[in-house]
Amino acid sequence: MTRYKLRIPAPGGRIETVVNDPGPARKGLALVAHPHPLHGGTLDNKVVQTVADTLLGLDYVAVRPNFRGVGQSEGDYDHGRGEVEDMLAIAEFVSARYPSLPWVLAGFSFGAYVQSRVRQRLPARALVLVGPAVNLFDFGQVPPDTLVIHGEHDELVPLSALRAWAQPQGIEVAVVPGAGHFFHGKLGDLKRTMERLCRC
């Protein structure tokens, strides 16, 4: 396994990106997006790291960018619009280096919103939304095989709000008992839930 950091050219400028490569066993690419950049979200967020590590353990190349304006990423926050364009540019850059490997898109909170938009333009084997902030952003429709994982006691995105969005679409919600929005003390449960349900 190898780990390296890049600054990938994108519409918002160069985007700081950490890549973890499992080696020859790799079976796909996983793009993982972090929470809101104006509220402390970074690629080092513990939930983002857990999601990336879980997908790495499933033999995916885990790609974690910092959104524009975060860490060493250039540019400024753009309410999700520019962030989507940056993610698409990163996916194109990484795909050129790992041709023919399928994508999994994953995101946490605001990152889940960004990935729901990326999925409209980038074919992917799976879309994994963790704590999606459906009460704060217009997610709209997602593919029927989307995996949604949510904390039972999410204090920022009430479970009732999430179910009101998911149920009309026939999207199942995997609830992590006792977990809040940031899954404090429940990261192991999040990892096990992903491993059990991720059909990627």
C-alpha atoms as a PDB file:
ATOM      1  CA  MET A   1       0.000   0.000   0.000  1.00  0.00           C
ATOM      2  CA  THR A   2       1.235   3.497  -0.834  1.00  0.00           C
ATOM      3  CA  ARG A   3       0.121   6.973   0.267  1.00  0.00           C
ATOM      4  CA  TYR A   4       0.905  10.173  -1.545  1.00  0.00           C
ATOM      5  CA  LYS A   5      -0.266  13.772  -1.690  1.00  0.00           C
ATOM      6  CA  LEU A   6      -0.941  15.715  -4.888  1.00  0.00           C
ATOM      7  CA  ARG A   7      -2.124  19.181  -5.864  1.00  0.00           C
ATOM      8  CA  ILE A   8      -4.413  18.442  -8.780  1.00  0.00           C
ATOM      9  CA  PRO A   9      -5.336  21.153 -11.326  1.00  0.00           C
ATOM     10  CA  ALA A  10      -9.053  21.975 -11.196  1.00  0.00           C
ATOM     11  CA  PRO A  11     -11.319  24.919 -12.065  1.00  0.00           C
ATOM     12  CA  GLY A  12     -10.867  26.386  -8.567  1.00  0.00           C
ATOM     13  CA  GLY A  13      -7.081  26.100  -8.717  1.00  0.00           C
ATOM     14  CA  ARG A  14      -4.827  23.325  -7.504  1.00  0.00           C
ATOM     15  CA  ILE A  15      -6.669  21.003  -5.132  1.00  0.00           C
ATOM     16  CA  GLU A  16      -4.755  19.271  -2.333  1.00  0.00           C
ATOM     17  CA  THR A  17      -5.534  15.560  -2.550  1.00  0.00           C
ATOM     18  CA  VAL A  18      -4.395  12.544  -0.542  1.00  0.00           C
ATOM     19  CA  VAL A  19      -4.375   9.187  -2.348  1.00  0.00           C
ATOM     20  CA  ASN A  20      -4.113   5.794  -0.647  1.00  0.00           C
ATOM     21  CA  ASP A  21      -3.437   2.976  -3.104  1.00  0.00           C
ATOM     22  CA  PRO A  22      -3.898  -0.642  -1.947  1.00  0.00           C
ATOM     23  CA  GLY A  23      -1.571  -1.894  -4.669  1.00  0.00           C
ATOM     24  CA  PRO A  24      -2.087  -4.538  -7.386  1.00  0.00           C
ATOM     25  CA  ALA A  25      -5.271  -5.865  -5.757  1.00  0.00           C
ATOM     26  CA  ARG A  26      -7.073  -2.586  -6.489  1.00  0.00           C
ATOM     27  CA  LYS A  27     -10.543  -3.077  -7.958  1.00  0.00           C
ATOM     28  CA  GLY A  28     -11.766   0.484  -8.210  1.00  0.00           C
ATOM     29  CA  LEU A  29     -11.414   4.142  -7.279  1.00  0.00           C
ATOM     30  CA  ALA A  30     -13.170   5.852  -4.373  1.00  0.00           C
ATOM     31  CA  LEU A  31     -13.607   9.630  -4.245  1.00  0.00           C
ATOM     32  CA  VAL A  32     -14.435  10.755  -0.684  1.00  0.00           C
ATOM     33  CA  ALA A  33     -15.711  14.282   0.040  1.00  0.00           C
ATOM     34  CA  HIS A  34     -15.483  16.051   3.402  1.00  0.00           C
ATOM     35  CA  PRO A  35     -17.958  18.230   5.386  1.00  0.00           C
ATOM     36  CA  HIS A  36     -18.604  21.940   4.940  1.00  0.00           C
ATOM     37  CA  PRO A  37     -15.366  23.889   4.393  1.00  0.00           C
ATOM     38  CA  LEU A  38     -16.651  26.939   6.284  1.00  0.00           C
ATOM     39  CA  HIS A  39     -17.378  24.865   9.384  1.00  0.00           C
ATOM     40  CA  GLY A  40     -14.057  23.090   9.825  1.00  0.00           C
ATOM     41  CA  GLY A  41     -14.480  20.338   7.244  1.00  0.00           C
ATOM     42  CA  THR A  42     -11.230  18.897   5.882  1.00  0.00           C
ATOM     43  CA  LEU A  43      -9.921  15.700   4.316  1.00  0.00           C
ATOM     44  CA  ASP A  44      -8.649  14.761   7.796  1.00  0.00           C
ATOM     45  CA  ASN A  45     -12.158  14.653   9.289  1.00  0.00           C
ATOM     46  CA  LYS A  46     -12.479  11.401  11.267  1.00  0.00           C
ATOM     47  CA  VAL A  47     -15.647  10.306   9.481  1.00  0.00           C
ATOM     48  CA  VAL A  48     -14.040  10.965   6.088  1.00  0.00           C
ATOM     49  CA  GLN A  49     -10.954   9.037   7.134  1.00  0.00           C
ATOM     50  CA  THR A  50     -13.101   6.129   8.337  1.00  0.00           C
ATOM     51  CA  VAL A  51     -15.033   6.010   5.059  1.00  0.00           C
ATOM     52  CA  ALA A  52     -11.808   6.186   3.032  1.00  0.00           C
ATOM     53  CA  ASP A  53     -10.086   3.536   5.167  1.00  0.00           C
ATOM     54  CA  THR A  54     -13.084   1.234   4.823  1.00  0.00           C
ATOM     55  CA  LEU A  55     -13.067   1.540   1.036  1.00  0.00           C
ATOM     56  CA  LEU A  56      -9.286   1.117   1.002  1.00  0.00           C
ATOM     57  CA  GLY A  57      -9.817  -2.125   2.941  1.00  0.00           C
ATOM     58  CA  LEU A  58     -12.209  -3.181   0.174  1.00  0.00           C
ATOM     59  CA  ASP A  59      -9.347  -2.683  -2.309  1.00  0.00           C
ATOM     60  CA  TYR A  60     -10.313   0.735  -3.623  1.00  0.00           C
ATOM     61  CA  VAL A  61      -7.831   3.510  -4.300  1.00  0.00           C
ATOM     62  CA  ALA A  62      -9.064   6.074  -1.755  1.00  0.00           C
ATOM     63  CA  VAL A  63      -8.924   9.672  -3.008  1.00  0.00           C
ATOM     64  CA  ARG A  64      -9.546  12.445  -0.420  1.00  0.00           C
ATOM     65  CA  PRO A  65      -9.431  16.038  -1.714  1.00  0.00           C
ATOM     66  CA  ASN A  66      -9.611  19.211   0.344  1.00  0.00           C
ATOM     67  CA  PHE A  67     -12.317  21.423  -1.109  1.00  0.00           C
ATOM     68  CA  ARG A  68     -11.236  24.743  -2.583  1.00  0.00           C
ATOM     69  CA  GLY A  69      -9.942  27.144   0.070  1.00  0.00           C
ATOM     70  CA  VAL A  70      -9.175  24.369   2.588  1.00  0.00           C
ATOM     71  CA  GLY A  71      -5.635  23.393   3.604  1.00  0.00           C
ATOM     72  CA  GLN A  72      -3.356  23.728   0.588  1.00  0.00           C
ATOM     73  CA  SER A  73      -6.240  23.842  -1.907  1.00  0.00           C
ATOM     74  CA  GLU A  74      -6.535  27.062  -3.864  1.00  0.00           C
ATOM     75  CA  GLY A  75      -9.738  28.969  -4.546  1.00  0.00           C
ATOM     76  CA  ASP A  76     -12.743  30.006  -2.464  1.00  0.00           C
ATOM     77  CA  TYR A  77     -15.903  28.286  -1.254  1.00  0.00           C
ATOM     78  CA  ASP A  78     -18.543  28.210  -4.008  1.00  0.00           C
ATOM     79  CA  HIS A  79     -21.696  26.826  -2.336  1.00  0.00           C
ATOM     80  CA  GLY A  80     -21.206  23.407  -3.907  1.00  0.00           C
ATOM     81  CA  ARG A  81     -21.196  24.504  -7.537  1.00  0.00           C
ATOM     82  CA  GLY A  82     -17.465  24.931  -8.016  1.00  0.00           C
ATOM     83  CA  GLU A  83     -16.772  22.072  -5.637  1.00  0.00           C
ATOM     84  CA  VAL A  84     -18.636  19.719  -7.991  1.00  0.00           C
ATOM     85  CA  GLU A  85     -16.545  20.936 -10.928  1.00  0.00           C
ATOM     86  CA  ASP A  86     -13.361  20.383  -8.909  1.00  0.00           C
ATOM     87  CA  MET A  87     -14.369  16.835  -7.977  1.00  0.00           C
ATOM     88  CA  LEU A  88     -15.059  16.020 -11.616  1.00  0.00           C
ATOM     89  CA  ALA A  89     -11.616  17.369 -12.591  1.00  0.00           C
ATOM     90  CA  ILE A  90      -9.980  15.279  -9.864  1.00  0.00           C
ATOM     91  CA  ALA A  91     -11.851  12.176 -11.036  1.00  0.00           C
ATOM     92  CA  GLU A  92     -10.670  12.771 -14.601  1.00  0.00           C
ATOM     93  CA  PHE A  93      -7.066  13.245 -13.435  1.00  0.00           C
ATOM     94  CA  VAL A  94      -7.079  10.086 -11.300  1.00  0.00           C
ATOM     95  CA  SER A  95      -8.876   7.987 -13.928  1.00  0.00           C
ATOM     96  CA  ALA A  96      -6.129   8.818 -16.429  1.00  0.00           C
ATOM     97  CA  ARG A  97      -3.621   7.224 -14.051  1.00  0.00           C
ATOM     98  CA  TYR A  98      -5.791   4.222 -13.217  1.00  0.00           C
ATOM     99  CA  PRO A  99      -7.619   3.562 -16.499  1.00  0.00           C
ATOM    100  CA  SER A 100     -10.660   1.303 -16.681  1.00  0.00           C
ATOM    101  CA  LEU A 101     -11.253   1.182 -12.918  1.00  0.00           C
ATOM    102  CA  PRO A 102     -14.821   2.001 -11.781  1.00  0.00           C
ATOM    103  CA  TRP A 103     -15.659   4.770  -9.327  1.00  0.00           C
ATOM    104  CA  VAL A 104     -17.357   4.734  -5.949  1.00  0.00           C
ATOM    105  CA  LEU A 105     -18.455   8.174  -4.777  1.00  0.00           C
ATOM    106  CA  ALA A 106     -18.751   8.824  -1.044  1.00  0.00           C
ATOM    107  CA  GLY A 107     -19.378  11.952   0.980  1.00  0.00           C
ATOM    108  CA  PHE A 108     -20.132  13.087   4.496  1.00  0.00           C
ATOM    109  CA  SER A 109     -22.630  15.882   5.320  1.00  0.00           C
ATOM    110  CA  PHE A 110     -21.991  18.732   2.811  1.00  0.00           C
ATOM    111  CA  GLY A 111     -19.647  16.351   1.013  1.00  0.00           C
ATOM    112  CA  ALA A 112     -22.589  14.007   0.487  1.00  0.00           C
ATOM    113  CA  TYR A 113     -24.452  16.845  -1.243  1.00  0.00           C
ATOM    114  CA  VAL A 114     -21.494  17.502  -3.537  1.00  0.00           C
ATOM    115  CA  GLN A 115     -21.211  13.817  -4.410  1.00  0.00           C
ATOM    116  CA  SER A 116     -24.933  13.537  -5.159  1.00  0.00           C
ATOM    117  CA  ARG A 117     -24.325  16.216  -7.804  1.00  0.00           C
ATOM    118  CA  VAL A 118     -21.124  14.641  -9.079  1.00  0.00           C
ATOM    119  CA  ARG A 119     -23.028  11.350  -9.532  1.00  0.00           C
ATOM    120  CA  GLN A 120     -25.349  13.051 -12.032  1.00  0.00           C
ATOM    121  CA  ARG A 121     -22.373  13.505 -14.349  1.00  0.00           C
ATOM    122  CA  LEU A 122     -19.937  10.736 -13.418  1.00  0.00           C
ATOM    123  CA  PRO A 123     -20.900   7.060 -13.791  1.00  0.00           C
ATOM    124  CA  ALA A 124     -20.173   5.197 -10.579  1.00  0.00           C
ATOM    125  CA  ARG A 125     -20.540   1.725  -9.177  1.00  0.00           C
ATOM    126  CA  ALA A 126     -21.984   3.099  -5.946  1.00  0.00           C
ATOM    127  CA  LEU A 127     -22.939   6.334  -4.184  1.00  0.00           C
ATOM    128  CA  VAL A 128     -22.392   6.305  -0.410  1.00  0.00           C
ATOM    129  CA  LEU A 129     -23.926   9.185   1.560  1.00  0.00           C
ATOM    130  CA  VAL A 130     -23.031   9.474   5.250  1.00  0.00           C
ATOM    131  CA  GLY A 131     -25.043  11.943   7.328  1.00  0.00           C
ATOM    132  CA  PRO A 132     -26.296  13.717   4.183  1.00  0.00           C
ATOM    133  CA  ALA A 133     -27.408  17.257   5.020  1.00  0.00           C
ATOM    134  CA  VAL A 134     -30.727  16.987   3.203  1.00  0.00           C
ATOM    135  CA  ASN A 135     -32.288  19.695   5.390  1.00  0.00           C
ATOM    136  CA  LEU A 136     -29.620  22.227   4.362  1.00  0.00           C
ATOM    137  CA  PHE A 137     -29.056  21.486   0.657  1.00  0.00           C
ATOM    138  CA  ASP A 138     -31.257  20.431  -2.262  1.00  0.00           C
ATOM    139  CA  PHE A 139     -30.149  16.867  -2.903  1.00  0.00           C
ATOM    140  CA  GLY A 140     -32.960  16.003  -5.297  1.00  0.00           C
ATOM    141  CA  GLN A 141     -33.124  12.494  -6.731  1.00  0.00           C
ATOM    142  CA  VAL A 142     -30.342   9.961  -6.280  1.00  0.00           C
ATOM    143  CA  PRO A 143     -29.851   6.542  -7.921  1.00  0.00           C
ATOM    144  CA  PRO A 144     -31.964   3.746  -6.380  1.00  0.00           C
ATOM    145  CA  ASP A 145     -28.908   1.795  -5.257  1.00  0.00           C
ATOM    146  CA  THR A 146     -27.556   4.700  -3.172  1.00  0.00           C
ATOM    147  CA  LEU A 147     -26.319   3.661   0.282  1.00  0.00           C
ATOM    148  CA  VAL A 148     -27.325   6.105   3.032  1.00  0.00           C
ATOM    149  CA  ILE A 149     -25.879   5.806   6.552  1.00  0.00           C
ATOM    150  CA  HIS A 150     -27.135   8.078   9.319  1.00  0.00           C
ATOM    151  CA  GLY A 151     -26.735   8.520  13.046  1.00  0.00           C
ATOM    152  CA  GLU A 152     -29.792   7.724  15.135  1.00  0.00           C
ATOM    153  CA  HIS A 153     -29.392  10.933  17.156  1.00  0.00           C
ATOM    154  CA  ASP A 154     -27.995  13.231  14.455  1.00  0.00           C
ATOM    155  CA  GLU A 155     -28.286  16.700  15.992  1.00  0.00           C
ATOM    156  CA  LEU A 156     -27.725  18.599  12.722  1.00  0.00           C
ATOM    157  CA  VAL A 157     -29.755  16.496  10.276  1.00  0.00           C
ATOM    158  CA  PRO A 158     -32.710  14.933  12.132  1.00  0.00           C
ATOM    159  CA  LEU A 159     -33.383  11.334  11.164  1.00  0.00           C
ATOM    160  CA  SER A 160     -37.006  12.309  10.474  1.00  0.00           C
ATOM    161  CA  ALA A 161     -35.868  14.844   7.862  1.00  0.00           C
ATOM    162  CA  LEU A 162     -33.631  12.278   6.214  1.00  0.00           C
ATOM    163  CA  ARG A 163     -36.409   9.687   6.044  1.00  0.00           C
ATOM    164  CA  ALA A 164     -38.821  12.254   4.587  1.00  0.00           C
ATOM    165  CA  TRP A 165     -36.325  12.705   1.734  1.00  0.00           C
ATOM    166  CA  ALA A 166     -35.341   9.048   1.324  1.00  0.00           C
ATOM    167  CA  GLN A 167     -38.651   7.205   1.588  1.00  0.00           C
ATOM    168  CA  PRO A 168     -40.391   8.729  -1.461  1.00  0.00           C
ATOM    169  CA  GLN A 169     -37.386   7.594  -3.515  1.00  0.00           C
ATOM    170  CA  GLY A 170     -37.397   4.088  -2.063  1.00  0.00           C
ATOM    171  CA  ILE A 171     -33.936   4.669  -0.579  1.00  0.00           C
ATOM    172  CA  GLU A 172     -33.130   2.550   2.439  1.00  0.00           C
ATOM    173  CA  VAL A 173     -31.433   4.230   5.381  1.00  0.00           C
ATOM    174  CA  ALA A 174     -28.948   2.328   7.536  1.00  0.00           C
ATOM    175  CA  VAL A 175     -29.197   3.822  11.017  1.00  0.00           C
ATOM    176  CA  VAL A 176     -26.220   3.647  13.383  1.00  0.00           C
ATOM    177  CA  PRO A 177     -27.722   3.325  16.888  1.00  0.00           C
ATOM    178  CA  GLY A 178     -26.716   6.004  19.359  1.00  0.00           C
ATOM    179  CA  ALA A 179     -24.654   7.977  16.834  1.00  0.00           C
ATOM    180  CA  GLY A 180     -24.745  11.744  16.400  1.00  0.00           C
ATOM    181  CA  HIS A 181     -23.839  13.656  13.269  1.00  0.00           C
ATOM    182  CA  PHE A 182     -20.089  13.232  13.753  1.00  0.00           C
ATOM    183  CA  PHE A 183     -20.299   9.606  14.929  1.00  0.00           C
ATOM    184  CA  HIS A 184     -18.305  10.329  18.102  1.00  0.00           C
ATOM    185  CA  GLY A 185     -17.495   6.966  19.685  1.00  0.00           C
ATOM    186  CA  LYS A 186     -19.302   5.219  16.822  1.00  0.00           C
ATOM    187  CA  LEU A 187     -16.715   5.184  14.035  1.00  0.00           C
ATOM    188  CA  GLY A 188     -16.265   1.427  14.418  1.00  0.00           C
ATOM    189  CA  ASP A 189     -20.013   0.981  13.967  1.00  0.00           C
ATOM    190  CA  LEU A 190     -19.905   3.189  10.869  1.00  0.00           C
ATOM    191  CA  LYS A 191     -17.079   1.094   9.417  1.00  0.00           C
ATOM    192  CA  ARG A 192     -18.878  -2.188  10.103  1.00  0.00           C
ATOM    193  CA  THR A 193     -22.114  -0.837   8.604  1.00  0.00           C
ATOM    194  CA  MET A 194     -20.305   0.163   5.430  1.00  0.00           C
ATOM    195  CA  GLU A 195     -18.536  -3.195   5.172  1.00  0.00           C
ATOM    196  CA  ARG A 196     -21.815  -5.029   5.623  1.00  0.00           C
ATOM    197  CA  LEU A 197     -23.897  -3.009   3.181  1.00  0.00           C
ATOM    198  CA  CYS A 198     -21.484  -1.733   0.557  1.00  0.00           C
ATOM    199  CA  ARG A 199     -22.269  -3.733  -2.582  1.00  0.00           C
ATOM    200  CA  CYS A 200     -19.234  -2.354  -4.378  1.00  0.00           C
END
